[in-house]
PDB file of all heavy atoms in Angstrom:
ATOM      1  N   VAL A   1       0.883  -1.149   0.086  1.00  0.00           N
ATOM      2  CA  VAL A   1       0.011   0.053   0.033  1.00  0.00           C
ATOM      3  C   VAL A   1       0.903   1.247  -0.014  1.00  0.00           C
ATOM      4  O   VAL A   1       1.712   1.405   0.911  1.00  0.00           O
ATOM      5  CB  VAL A   1      -0.882   0.040   1.187  1.00  0.00           C
ATOM      6  CG1 VAL A   1      -1.876   1.232   1.167  1.00  0.00           C
ATOM      7  CG2 VAL A   1      -1.792  -1.216   1.402  1.00  0.00           C
ATOM      8  N   ASP A   2       0.655   2.111  -0.927  1.00  0.00           N
ATOM      9  CA  ASP A   2       1.327   3.484  -0.898  1.00  0.00           C
ATOM     10  C   ASP A   2       0.353   4.454  -0.562  1.00  0.00           C
ATOM     11  O   ASP A   2      -0.793   4.462  -0.995  1.00  0.00           O
ATOM     12  CB  ASP A   2       1.851   3.691  -2.350  1.00  0.00           C
ATOM     13  CG  ASP A   2       3.081   2.936  -2.743  1.00  0.00           C
ATOM     14  OD1 ASP A   2       4.187   3.451  -2.446  1.00  0.00           O
ATOM     15  OD2 ASP A   2       2.910   1.818  -3.369  1.00  0.00           O
ATOM     16  N   PHE A   3       0.751   5.441   0.294  1.00  0.00           N
ATOM     17  CA  PHE A   3      -0.126   6.450   0.764  1.00  0.00           C
ATOM     18  C   PHE A   3       0.381   7.781   0.190  1.00  0.00           C
ATOM     19  O   PHE A   3       1.535   8.172   0.356  1.00  0.00           O
ATOM     20  CB  PHE A   3       0.031   6.567   2.356  1.00  0.00           C
ATOM     21  CG  PHE A   3      -0.482   5.261   2.952  1.00  0.00           C
ATOM     22  CD1 PHE A   3       0.323   4.244   3.168  1.00  0.00           C
ATOM     23  CD2 PHE A   3      -1.803   5.114   3.345  1.00  0.00           C
ATOM     24  CE1 PHE A   3      -0.138   3.019   3.720  1.00  0.00           C
ATOM     25  CE2 PHE A   3      -2.277   3.878   3.942  1.00  0.00           C
ATOM     26  CZ  PHE A   3      -1.413   2.887   4.186  1.00  0.00           C
ATOM     27  N   ARG A   4      -0.398   8.514  -0.346  1.00  0.00           N
ATOM     28  CA  ARG A   4      -0.210   9.758  -1.040  1.00  0.00           C
ATOM     29  C   ARG A   4      -1.230  10.912  -0.833  1.00  0.00           C
ATOM     30  O   ARG A   4      -2.465  10.615  -0.797  1.00  0.00           O
ATOM     31  CB  ARG A   4      -0.063   9.643  -2.599  1.00  0.00           C
ATOM     32  CG  ARG A   4       0.962   8.628  -3.030  1.00  0.00           C
ATOM     33  CD  ARG A   4       2.426   9.099  -2.879  1.00  0.00           C
ATOM     34  NE  ARG A   4       3.379   8.211  -3.428  1.00  0.00           N
ATOM     35  CZ  ARG A   4       3.904   7.229  -2.651  1.00  0.00           C
ATOM     36  NH1 ARG A   4       3.633   7.083  -1.407  1.00  0.00           N
ATOM     37  NH2 ARG A   4       4.805   6.411  -3.219  1.00  0.00           N
ATOM     38  N   THR A   5      -0.760  12.085  -0.757  1.00  0.00           N
ATOM     39  CA  THR A   5      -1.626  13.301  -0.864  1.00  0.00           C
ATOM     40  C   THR A   5      -1.916  13.512  -2.275  1.00  0.00           C
ATOM     41  O   THR A   5      -0.982  13.556  -3.151  1.00  0.00           O
ATOM     42  CB  THR A   5      -0.923  14.510  -0.162  1.00  0.00           C
ATOM     43  OG1 THR A   5      -0.385  14.100   1.117  1.00  0.00           O
ATOM     44  CG2 THR A   5      -1.933  15.638  -0.131  1.00  0.00           C
ATOM     45  N   ARG A   6      -3.213  13.787  -2.572  1.00  0.00           N
ATOM     46  CA  ARG A   6      -3.603  13.914  -4.002  1.00  0.00           C
ATOM     47  C   ARG A   6      -3.130  15.268  -4.646  1.00  0.00           C
ATOM     48  O   ARG A   6      -3.168  16.318  -4.021  1.00  0.00           O
ATOM     49  CB  ARG A   6      -5.115  13.950  -4.097  1.00  0.00           C
ATOM     50  CG  ARG A   6      -5.692  12.462  -4.014  1.00  0.00           C
ATOM     51  CD  ARG A   6      -7.140  12.526  -4.485  1.00  0.00           C
ATOM     52  NE  ARG A   6      -7.993  13.242  -3.596  1.00  0.00           N
ATOM     53  CZ  ARG A   6      -8.588  12.686  -2.541  1.00  0.00           C
ATOM     54  NH1 ARG A   6      -8.341  11.525  -2.174  1.00  0.00           N
ATOM     55  NH2 ARG A   6      -9.390  13.582  -1.766  1.00  0.00           N
ATOM     56  N   THR A   7      -2.578  15.164  -5.861  1.00  0.00           N
ATOM     57  CA  THR A   7      -2.360  16.207  -6.707  1.00  0.00           C
ATOM     58  C   THR A   7      -2.904  15.915  -8.098  1.00  0.00           C
ATOM     59  O   THR A   7      -3.378  14.734  -8.303  1.00  0.00           O
ATOM     60  CB  THR A   7      -0.934  16.529  -6.725  1.00  0.00           C
ATOM     61  OG1 THR A   7      -0.225  15.430  -7.543  1.00  0.00           O
ATOM     62  CG2 THR A   7      -0.179  16.693  -5.433  1.00  0.00           C
ATOM     63  N   THR A   8      -2.715  16.847  -9.063  1.00  0.00           N
ATOM     64  CA  THR A   8      -3.233  16.500 -10.445  1.00  0.00           C
ATOM     65  C   THR A   8      -2.248  15.635 -11.215  1.00  0.00           C
ATOM     66  O   THR A   8      -2.648  15.077 -12.245  1.00  0.00           O
ATOM     67  CB  THR A   8      -3.352  17.958 -11.207  1.00  0.00           C
ATOM     68  OG1 THR A   8      -2.128  18.591 -11.188  1.00  0.00           O
ATOM     69  CG2 THR A   8      -4.379  18.701 -10.618  1.00  0.00           C
ATOM     70  N   THR A   9      -1.083  15.382 -10.627  1.00  0.00           N
ATOM     71  CA  THR A   9      -0.067  14.516 -11.296  1.00  0.00           C
ATOM     72  C   THR A   9       0.266  13.321 -10.425  1.00  0.00           C
ATOM     73  O   THR A   9       0.983  12.336 -10.868  1.00  0.00           O
ATOM     74  CB  THR A   9       1.148  15.220 -11.712  1.00  0.00           C
ATOM     75  OG1 THR A   9       1.765  15.794 -10.547  1.00  0.00           O
ATOM     76  CG2 THR A   9       0.883  16.384 -12.645  1.00  0.00           C
ATOM     77  N   GLY A  10      -0.098  13.257  -9.125  1.00  0.00           N
ATOM     78  CA  GLY A  10       0.177  12.033  -8.300  1.00  0.00           C
ATOM     79  C   GLY A  10      -0.222  10.816  -8.803  1.00  0.00           C
ATOM     80  O   GLY A  10      -1.402  10.724  -9.214  1.00  0.00           O
ATOM     81  N   GLY A  11       0.689   9.849  -8.773  1.00  0.00           N
ATOM     82  CA  GLY A  11       0.279   8.505  -9.276  1.00  0.00           C
ATOM     83  C   GLY A  11       0.364   8.313 -10.862  1.00  0.00           C
ATOM     84  O   GLY A  11       0.221   7.126 -11.350  1.00  0.00           O
ATOM     85  N   LEU A  12       0.801   9.374 -11.494  1.00  0.00           N
ATOM     86  CA  LEU A  12       0.844   9.191 -13.042  1.00  0.00           C
ATOM     87  C   LEU A  12       1.945   8.224 -13.313  1.00  0.00           C
ATOM     88  O   LEU A  12       3.137   8.306 -12.853  1.00  0.00           O
ATOM     89  CB  LEU A  12       1.260  10.625 -13.617  1.00  0.00           C
ATOM     90  CG  LEU A  12       0.913  10.838 -15.106  1.00  0.00           C
ATOM     91  CD1 LEU A  12      -0.577  10.653 -15.340  1.00  0.00           C
ATOM     92  CD2 LEU A  12       1.381  12.144 -15.526  1.00  0.00           C
ATOM     93  N   GLY A  13       1.578   7.257 -14.242  1.00  0.00           N
ATOM     94  CA  GLY A  13       2.632   6.340 -14.710  1.00  0.00           C
ATOM     95  C   GLY A  13       2.655   5.045 -13.810  1.00  0.00           C
ATOM     96  O   GLY A  13       3.390   4.141 -14.078  1.00  0.00           O
ATOM     97  N   GLU A  14       2.033   5.045 -12.639  1.00  0.00           N
ATOM     98  CA  GLU A  14       2.047   3.885 -11.751  1.00  0.00           C
ATOM     99  C   GLU A  14       0.892   3.028 -11.905  1.00  0.00           C
ATOM    100  O   GLU A  14      -0.185   3.505 -12.411  1.00  0.00           O
ATOM    101  CB  GLU A  14       2.166   4.327 -10.266  1.00  0.00           C
ATOM    102  CG  GLU A  14       3.357   5.142  -9.958  1.00  0.00           C
ATOM    103  CD  GLU A  14       3.389   5.611  -8.482  1.00  0.00           C
ATOM    104  OE1 GLU A  14       3.816   4.914  -7.628  1.00  0.00           O
ATOM    105  OE2 GLU A  14       2.990   6.855  -8.234  1.00  0.00           O
ATOM    106  N   GLY A  15       0.894   1.697 -11.589  1.00  0.00           N
ATOM    107  CA  GLY A  15      -0.230   0.826 -11.712  1.00  0.00           C
ATOM    108  C   GLY A  15      -0.530   0.211 -10.477  1.00  0.00           C
ATOM    109  O   GLY A  15       0.389  -0.324  -9.723  1.00  0.00           O
ATOM    110  N   PHE A  16      -1.872   0.006 -10.176  1.00  0.00           N
ATOM    111  CA  PHE A  16      -2.345  -0.573  -9.029  1.00  0.00           C
ATOM    112  C   PHE A  16      -3.631  -1.392  -9.255  1.00  0.00           C
ATOM    113  O   PHE A  16      -4.198  -1.266 -10.288  1.00  0.00           O
ATOM    114  CB  PHE A  16      -2.744   0.626  -7.938  1.00  0.00           C
ATOM    115  CG  PHE A  16      -1.567   1.534  -7.591  1.00  0.00           C
ATOM    116  CD1 PHE A  16      -1.287   2.706  -8.378  1.00  0.00           C
ATOM    117  CD2 PHE A  16      -0.738   1.163  -6.530  1.00  0.00           C
ATOM    118  CE1 PHE A  16      -0.200   3.518  -7.976  1.00  0.00           C
ATOM    119  CE2 PHE A  16       0.309   1.943  -6.198  1.00  0.00           C
ATOM    120  CZ  PHE A  16       0.574   3.160  -6.932  1.00  0.00           C
ATOM    121  N   ASP A  17      -3.996  -2.199  -8.191  1.00  0.00           N
ATOM    122  CA  ASP A  17      -5.185  -2.969  -8.333  1.00  0.00           C
ATOM    123  C   ASP A  17      -6.279  -2.319  -7.632  1.00  0.00           C
ATOM    124  O   ASP A  17      -7.516  -2.425  -7.996  1.00  0.00           O
ATOM    125  CB  ASP A  17      -4.966  -4.379  -7.669  1.00  0.00           C
ATOM    126  CG  ASP A  17      -3.880  -5.174  -8.308  1.00  0.00           C
ATOM    127  OD1 ASP A  17      -3.992  -5.506  -9.540  1.00  0.00           O
ATOM    128  OD2 ASP A  17      -2.834  -5.480  -7.662  1.00  0.00           O
ATOM    129  N   LEU A  18      -6.002  -1.489  -6.541  1.00  0.00           N
ATOM    130  CA  LEU A  18      -7.088  -0.903  -5.721  1.00  0.00           C
ATOM    131  C   LEU A  18      -6.642   0.602  -5.593  1.00  0.00           C
ATOM    132  O   LEU A  18      -5.472   0.906  -5.194  1.00  0.00           O
ATOM    133  CB  LEU A  18      -7.195  -1.525  -4.400  1.00  0.00           C
ATOM    134  CG  LEU A  18      -8.139  -0.796  -3.327  1.00  0.00           C
ATOM    135  CD1 LEU A  18      -9.526  -0.760  -3.754  1.00  0.00           C
ATOM    136  CD2 LEU A  18      -8.009  -1.481  -1.965  1.00  0.00           C
ATOM    137  N   LEU A  19      -7.659   1.521  -5.886  1.00  0.00           N
ATOM    138  CA  LEU A  19      -7.370   2.900  -5.641  1.00  0.00           C
ATOM    139  C   LEU A  19      -8.384   3.426  -4.559  1.00  0.00           C
ATOM    140  O   LEU A  19      -9.633   3.268  -4.814  1.00  0.00           O
ATOM    141  CB  LEU A  19      -7.561   3.676  -6.973  1.00  0.00           C
ATOM    142  CG  LEU A  19      -7.665   5.224  -6.855  1.00  0.00           C
ATOM    143  CD1 LEU A  19      -6.353   5.835  -6.294  1.00  0.00           C
ATOM    144  CD2 LEU A  19      -8.008   5.736  -8.270  1.00  0.00           C
ATOM    145  N   VAL A  20      -7.864   3.950  -3.507  1.00  0.00           N
ATOM    146  CA  VAL A  20      -8.784   4.595  -2.381  1.00  0.00           C
ATOM    147  C   VAL A  20      -8.675   5.972  -2.458  1.00  0.00           C
ATOM    148  O   VAL A  20      -7.613   6.606  -2.465  1.00  0.00           O
ATOM    149  CB  VAL A  20      -8.273   3.974  -1.102  1.00  0.00           C
ATOM    150  CG1 VAL A  20      -9.079   4.663   0.023  1.00  0.00           C
ATOM    151  CG2 VAL A  20      -8.356   2.506  -0.933  1.00  0.00           C
ATOM    152  N   ILE A  21      -9.794   6.566  -2.500  1.00  0.00           N
ATOM    153  CA  ILE A  21      -9.981   8.030  -2.563  1.00  0.00           C
ATOM    154  C   ILE A  21     -10.608   8.302  -1.211  1.00  0.00           C
ATOM    155  O   ILE A  21     -11.840   8.331  -0.948  1.00  0.00           O
ATOM    156  CB  ILE A  21     -10.988   8.537  -3.724  1.00  0.00           C
ATOM    157  CG1 ILE A  21     -10.424   8.001  -5.004  1.00  0.00           C
ATOM    158  CG2 ILE A  21     -11.068  10.082  -3.746  1.00  0.00           C
ATOM    159  CD1 ILE A  21      -9.096   8.402  -5.426  1.00  0.00           C
ATOM    160  N   ASP A  22      -9.690   8.717  -0.278  1.00  0.00           N
ATOM    161  CA  ASP A  22     -10.135   9.125   1.130  1.00  0.00           C
ATOM    162  C   ASP A  22     -10.518  10.722   1.002  1.00  0.00           C
ATOM    163  O   ASP A  22     -10.003  11.350   0.102  1.00  0.00           O
ATOM    164  CB  ASP A  22      -9.020   8.983   2.069  1.00  0.00           C
ATOM    165  CG  ASP A  22      -9.457   8.863   3.574  1.00  0.00           C
ATOM    166  OD1 ASP A  22     -10.612   9.331   3.830  1.00  0.00           O
ATOM    167  OD2 ASP A  22      -8.669   8.610   4.363  1.00  0.00           O
ATOM    168  N   GLU A  23     -11.280  11.128   1.959  1.00  0.00           N
ATOM    169  CA  GLU A  23     -11.760  12.525   1.967  1.00  0.00           C
ATOM    170  C   GLU A  23     -12.310  12.851   0.573  1.00  0.00           C
ATOM    171  O   GLU A  23     -12.011  13.870  -0.186  1.00  0.00           O
ATOM    172  CB  GLU A  23     -10.658  13.479   2.193  1.00  0.00           C
ATOM    173  CG  GLU A  23     -10.100  13.342   3.608  1.00  0.00           C
ATOM    174  CD  GLU A  23      -8.954  14.211   4.020  1.00  0.00           C
ATOM    175  OE1 GLU A  23      -8.020  14.228   3.217  1.00  0.00           O
ATOM    176  OE2 GLU A  23      -9.082  15.033   5.047  1.00  0.00           O
ATOM    177  N   ALA A  24     -13.209  11.964  -0.012  1.00  0.00           N
ATOM    178  CA  ALA A  24     -13.633  12.036  -1.331  1.00  0.00           C
ATOM    179  C   ALA A  24     -14.433  13.270  -1.754  1.00  0.00           C
ATOM    180  O   ALA A  24     -14.610  13.625  -2.806  1.00  0.00           O
ATOM    181  CB  ALA A  24     -14.470  10.754  -1.707  1.00  0.00           C
ATOM    182  N   GLN A  25     -14.981  13.841  -0.660  1.00  0.00           N
ATOM    183  CA  GLN A  25     -15.810  15.081  -0.872  1.00  0.00           C
ATOM    184  C   GLN A  25     -14.909  16.177  -1.533  1.00  0.00           C
ATOM    185  O   GLN A  25     -15.404  17.276  -1.957  1.00  0.00           O
ATOM    186  CB  GLN A  25     -16.543  15.600   0.394  1.00  0.00           C
ATOM    187  CG  GLN A  25     -15.513  16.244   1.443  1.00  0.00           C
ATOM    188  CD  GLN A  25     -14.884  15.057   2.309  1.00  0.00           C
ATOM    189  OE1 GLN A  25     -15.139  13.823   2.110  1.00  0.00           O
ATOM    190  NE2 GLN A  25     -14.308  15.363   3.429  1.00  0.00           N
ATOM    191  N   GLU A  26     -13.584  16.034  -1.378  1.00  0.00           N
ATOM    192  CA  GLU A  26     -12.572  17.039  -2.037  1.00  0.00           C
ATOM    193  C   GLU A  26     -11.985  16.557  -3.275  1.00  0.00           C
ATOM    194  O   GLU A  26     -11.099  17.209  -3.810  1.00  0.00           O
ATOM    195  CB  GLU A  26     -11.476  17.276  -0.971  1.00  0.00           C
ATOM    196  CG  GLU A  26     -12.020  17.699   0.377  1.00  0.00           C
ATOM    197  CD  GLU A  26     -12.679  19.003   0.429  1.00  0.00           C
ATOM    198  OE1 GLU A  26     -12.561  19.814  -0.521  1.00  0.00           O
ATOM    199  OE2 GLU A  26     -13.444  19.369   1.478  1.00  0.00           O
ATOM    200  N   TYR A  27     -12.514  15.499  -3.832  1.00  0.00           N
ATOM    201  CA  TYR A  27     -11.927  14.942  -5.068  1.00  0.00           C
ATOM    202  C   TYR A  27     -12.277  15.691  -6.255  1.00  0.00           C
ATOM    203  O   TYR A  27     -13.484  15.808  -6.551  1.00  0.00           O
ATOM    204  CB  TYR A  27     -12.480  13.363  -5.151  1.00  0.00           C
ATOM    205  CG  TYR A  27     -11.783  12.509  -6.206  1.00  0.00           C
ATOM    206  CD1 TYR A  27     -10.388  12.701  -6.448  1.00  0.00           C
ATOM    207  CD2 TYR A  27     -12.409  11.485  -6.825  1.00  0.00           C
ATOM    208  CE1 TYR A  27      -9.797  11.859  -7.414  1.00  0.00           C
ATOM    209  CE2 TYR A  27     -11.825  10.705  -7.756  1.00  0.00           C
ATOM    210  CZ  TYR A  27     -10.521  10.844  -7.976  1.00  0.00           C
ATOM    211  OH  TYR A  27      -9.897  10.003  -8.938  1.00  0.00           O
ATOM    212  N   THR A  28     -11.316  16.186  -7.034  1.00  0.00           N
ATOM    213  CA  THR A  28     -11.672  17.102  -8.106  1.00  0.00           C
ATOM    214  C   THR A  28     -11.551  16.400  -9.472  1.00  0.00           C
ATOM    215  O   THR A  28     -10.999  15.248  -9.620  1.00  0.00           O
ATOM    216  CB  THR A  28     -10.594  18.284  -8.176  1.00  0.00           C
ATOM    217  OG1 THR A  28      -9.388  17.760  -8.508  1.00  0.00           O
ATOM    218  CG2 THR A  28     -10.613  19.023  -6.813  1.00  0.00           C
ATOM    219  N   ASP A  29     -12.202  16.916 -10.489  1.00  0.00           N
ATOM    220  CA  ASP A  29     -12.163  16.432 -11.784  1.00  0.00           C
ATOM    221  C   ASP A  29     -10.746  16.233 -12.419  1.00  0.00           C
ATOM    222  O   ASP A  29     -10.421  15.191 -12.955  1.00  0.00           O
ATOM    223  CB  ASP A  29     -12.976  17.167 -12.774  1.00  0.00           C
ATOM    224  CG  ASP A  29     -14.462  17.188 -12.597  1.00  0.00           C
ATOM    225  OD1 ASP A  29     -15.036  16.154 -12.849  1.00  0.00           O
ATOM    226  OD2 ASP A  29     -15.011  18.158 -11.950  1.00  0.00           O
ATOM    227  N   ASP A  30      -9.871  17.163 -12.070  1.00  0.00           N
ATOM    228  CA  ASP A  30      -8.461  17.137 -12.532  1.00  0.00           C
ATOM    229  C   ASP A  30      -7.748  15.928 -11.844  1.00  0.00           C
ATOM    230  O   ASP A  30      -6.963  15.204 -12.547  1.00  0.00           O
ATOM    231  CB  ASP A  30      -7.683  18.328 -12.206  1.00  0.00           C
ATOM    232  CG  ASP A  30      -8.017  19.578 -13.124  1.00  0.00           C
ATOM    233  OD1 ASP A  30      -8.700  19.355 -14.146  1.00  0.00           O
ATOM    234  OD2 ASP A  30      -7.860  20.743 -12.695  1.00  0.00           O
ATOM    235  N   GLN A  31      -7.985  15.727 -10.615  1.00  0.00           N
ATOM    236  CA  GLN A  31      -7.399  14.558  -9.924  1.00  0.00           C
ATOM    237  C   GLN A  31      -7.938  13.173 -10.492  1.00  0.00           C
ATOM    238  O   GLN A  31      -7.062  12.354 -10.709  1.00  0.00           O
ATOM    239  CB  GLN A  31      -7.545  14.753  -8.403  1.00  0.00           C
ATOM    240  CG  GLN A  31      -6.916  15.838  -7.865  1.00  0.00           C
ATOM    241  CD  GLN A  31      -7.394  16.120  -6.406  1.00  0.00           C
ATOM    242  OE1 GLN A  31      -8.346  15.543  -5.938  1.00  0.00           O
ATOM    243  NE2 GLN A  31      -6.755  17.097  -5.750  1.00  0.00           N
ATOM    244  N   GLU A  32      -9.181  13.186 -10.743  1.00  0.00           N
ATOM    245  CA  GLU A  32      -9.863  11.975 -11.177  1.00  0.00           C
ATOM    246  C   GLU A  32      -9.238  11.592 -12.671  1.00  0.00           C
ATOM    247  O   GLU A  32      -9.089  10.487 -12.996  1.00  0.00           O
ATOM    248  CB  GLU A  32     -11.295  12.066 -11.303  1.00  0.00           C
ATOM    249  CG  GLU A  32     -11.990  10.811 -11.815  1.00  0.00           C
ATOM    250  CD  GLU A  32     -13.456  10.987 -12.147  1.00  0.00           C
ATOM    251  OE1 GLU A  32     -13.857  11.998 -12.634  1.00  0.00           O
ATOM    252  OE2 GLU A  32     -14.201   9.980 -12.002  1.00  0.00           O
ATOM    253  N   SER A  33      -9.057  12.700 -13.517  1.00  0.00           N
ATOM    254  CA  SER A  33      -8.527  12.410 -14.849  1.00  0.00           C
ATOM    255  C   SER A  33      -7.178  11.729 -14.907  1.00  0.00           C
ATOM    256  O   SER A  33      -6.840  11.129 -15.767  1.00  0.00           O
ATOM    257  CB  SER A  33      -8.608  13.727 -15.622  1.00  0.00           C
ATOM    258  OG  SER A  33      -7.605  14.623 -15.133  1.00  0.00           O
ATOM    259  N   THR A  34      -6.461  11.983 -13.781  1.00  0.00           N
ATOM    260  CA  THR A  34      -5.142  11.453 -13.638  1.00  0.00           C
ATOM    261  C   THR A  34      -5.182  10.060 -13.058  1.00  0.00           C
ATOM    262  O   THR A  34      -4.673   9.028 -13.494  1.00  0.00           O
ATOM    263  CB  THR A  34      -4.229  12.296 -12.763  1.00  0.00           C
ATOM    264  OG1 THR A  34      -4.050  13.592 -13.424  1.00  0.00           O
ATOM    265  CG2 THR A  34      -2.788  11.694 -12.678  1.00  0.00           C
ATOM    266  N   LEU A  35      -5.857  10.009 -11.821  1.00  0.00           N
ATOM    267  CA  LEU A  35      -5.813   8.796 -10.998  1.00  0.00           C
ATOM    268  C   LEU A  35      -6.648   7.633 -11.446  1.00  0.00           C
ATOM    269  O   LEU A  35      -6.227   6.519 -11.285  1.00  0.00           O
ATOM    270  CB  LEU A  35      -6.297   9.129  -9.569  1.00  0.00           C
ATOM    271  CG  LEU A  35      -5.313  10.066  -8.796  1.00  0.00           C
ATOM    272  CD1 LEU A  35      -6.122  10.462  -7.455  1.00  0.00           C
ATOM    273  CD2 LEU A  35      -4.072   9.255  -8.494  1.00  0.00           C
ATOM    274  N   LYS A  36      -7.651   7.827 -12.296  1.00  0.00           N
ATOM    275  CA  LYS A  36      -8.531   6.744 -12.648  1.00  0.00           C
ATOM    276  C   LYS A  36      -7.750   5.727 -13.581  1.00  0.00           C
ATOM    277  O   LYS A  36      -8.198   4.594 -13.641  1.00  0.00           O
ATOM    278  CB  LYS A  36      -9.759   7.220 -13.252  1.00  0.00           C
ATOM    279  CG  LYS A  36      -9.501   7.907 -14.612  1.00  0.00           C
ATOM    280  CD  LYS A  36     -10.955   8.388 -15.174  1.00  0.00           C
ATOM    281  CE  LYS A  36     -10.687   9.053 -16.565  1.00  0.00           C
ATOM    282  NZ  LYS A  36     -12.133   9.619 -17.034  1.00  0.00           N
ATOM    283  N   TYR A  37      -6.762   6.208 -14.183  1.00  0.00           N
ATOM    284  CA  TYR A  37      -5.967   5.294 -15.196  1.00  0.00           C
ATOM    285  C   TYR A  37      -4.891   4.469 -14.377  1.00  0.00           C
ATOM    286  O   TYR A  37      -4.329   3.612 -14.977  1.00  0.00           O
ATOM    287  CB  TYR A  37      -5.241   6.184 -16.207  1.00  0.00           C
ATOM    288  CG  TYR A  37      -6.330   6.775 -17.168  1.00  0.00           C
ATOM    289  CD1 TYR A  37      -6.512   8.169 -17.162  1.00  0.00           C
ATOM    290  CD2 TYR A  37      -7.053   6.077 -18.040  1.00  0.00           C
ATOM    291  CE1 TYR A  37      -7.423   8.759 -17.980  1.00  0.00           C
ATOM    292  CE2 TYR A  37      -8.059   6.623 -18.856  1.00  0.00           C
ATOM    293  CZ  TYR A  37      -8.171   7.966 -18.821  1.00  0.00           C
ATOM    294  OH  TYR A  37      -9.106   8.695 -19.580  1.00  0.00           O
ATOM    295  N   THR A  38      -4.741   4.754 -13.094  1.00  0.00           N
ATOM    296  CA  THR A  38      -3.644   4.054 -12.460  1.00  0.00           C
ATOM    297  C   THR A  38      -4.090   2.567 -12.133  1.00  0.00           C
ATOM    298  O   THR A  38      -3.281   1.715 -11.834  1.00  0.00           O
ATOM    299  CB  THR A  38      -3.370   4.722 -11.040  1.00  0.00           C
ATOM    300  OG1 THR A  38      -4.619   4.669 -10.196  1.00  0.00           O
ATOM    301  CG2 THR A  38      -2.857   6.112 -11.243  1.00  0.00           C
ATOM    302  N   VAL A  39      -5.370   2.249 -12.306  1.00  0.00           N
ATOM    303  CA  VAL A  39      -5.842   0.853 -12.075  1.00  0.00           C
ATOM    304  C   VAL A  39      -6.264   0.264 -13.442  1.00  0.00           C
ATOM    305  O   VAL A  39      -6.819  -0.878 -13.491  1.00  0.00           O
ATOM    306  CB  VAL A  39      -7.110   0.824 -11.160  1.00  0.00           C
ATOM    307  CG1 VAL A  39      -6.586   1.138  -9.666  1.00  0.00           C
ATOM    308  CG2 VAL A  39      -8.254   1.650 -11.590  1.00  0.00           C
ATOM    309  N   SER A  40      -5.972   0.940 -14.511  1.00  0.00           N
ATOM    310  CA  SER A  40      -6.476   0.447 -15.834  1.00  0.00           C
ATOM    311  C   SER A  40      -5.890  -0.814 -16.357  1.00  0.00           C
ATOM    312  O   SER A  40      -6.389  -1.591 -17.188  1.00  0.00           O
ATOM    313  CB  SER A  40      -6.371   1.519 -16.942  1.00  0.00           C
ATOM    314  OG  SER A  40      -4.950   1.885 -17.036  1.00  0.00           O
ATOM    315  N   ASP A  41      -4.647  -1.180 -15.812  1.00  0.00           N
ATOM    316  CA  ASP A  41      -3.948  -2.409 -16.228  1.00  0.00           C
ATOM    317  C   ASP A  41      -4.312  -3.555 -15.323  1.00  0.00           C
ATOM    318  O   ASP A  41      -3.809  -4.670 -15.641  1.00  0.00           O
ATOM    319  CB  ASP A  41      -2.428  -2.157 -16.297  1.00  0.00           C
ATOM    320  CG  ASP A  41      -2.086  -1.209 -17.475  1.00  0.00           C
ATOM    321  OD1 ASP A  41      -2.852  -1.104 -18.468  1.00  0.00           O
ATOM    322  OD2 ASP A  41      -0.948  -0.531 -17.439  1.00  0.00           O
TER     323      ASP A  41
END
């Protein structure tokens, strides 16, 4: 498990099986456009 503070580029290029969005009420469209692809593989 890797723990990260969200940014618009955090996680870019990395691959995971599970993505957890904690404090999801603060989850922005820019962050989603980056992070959603980290589990695509």
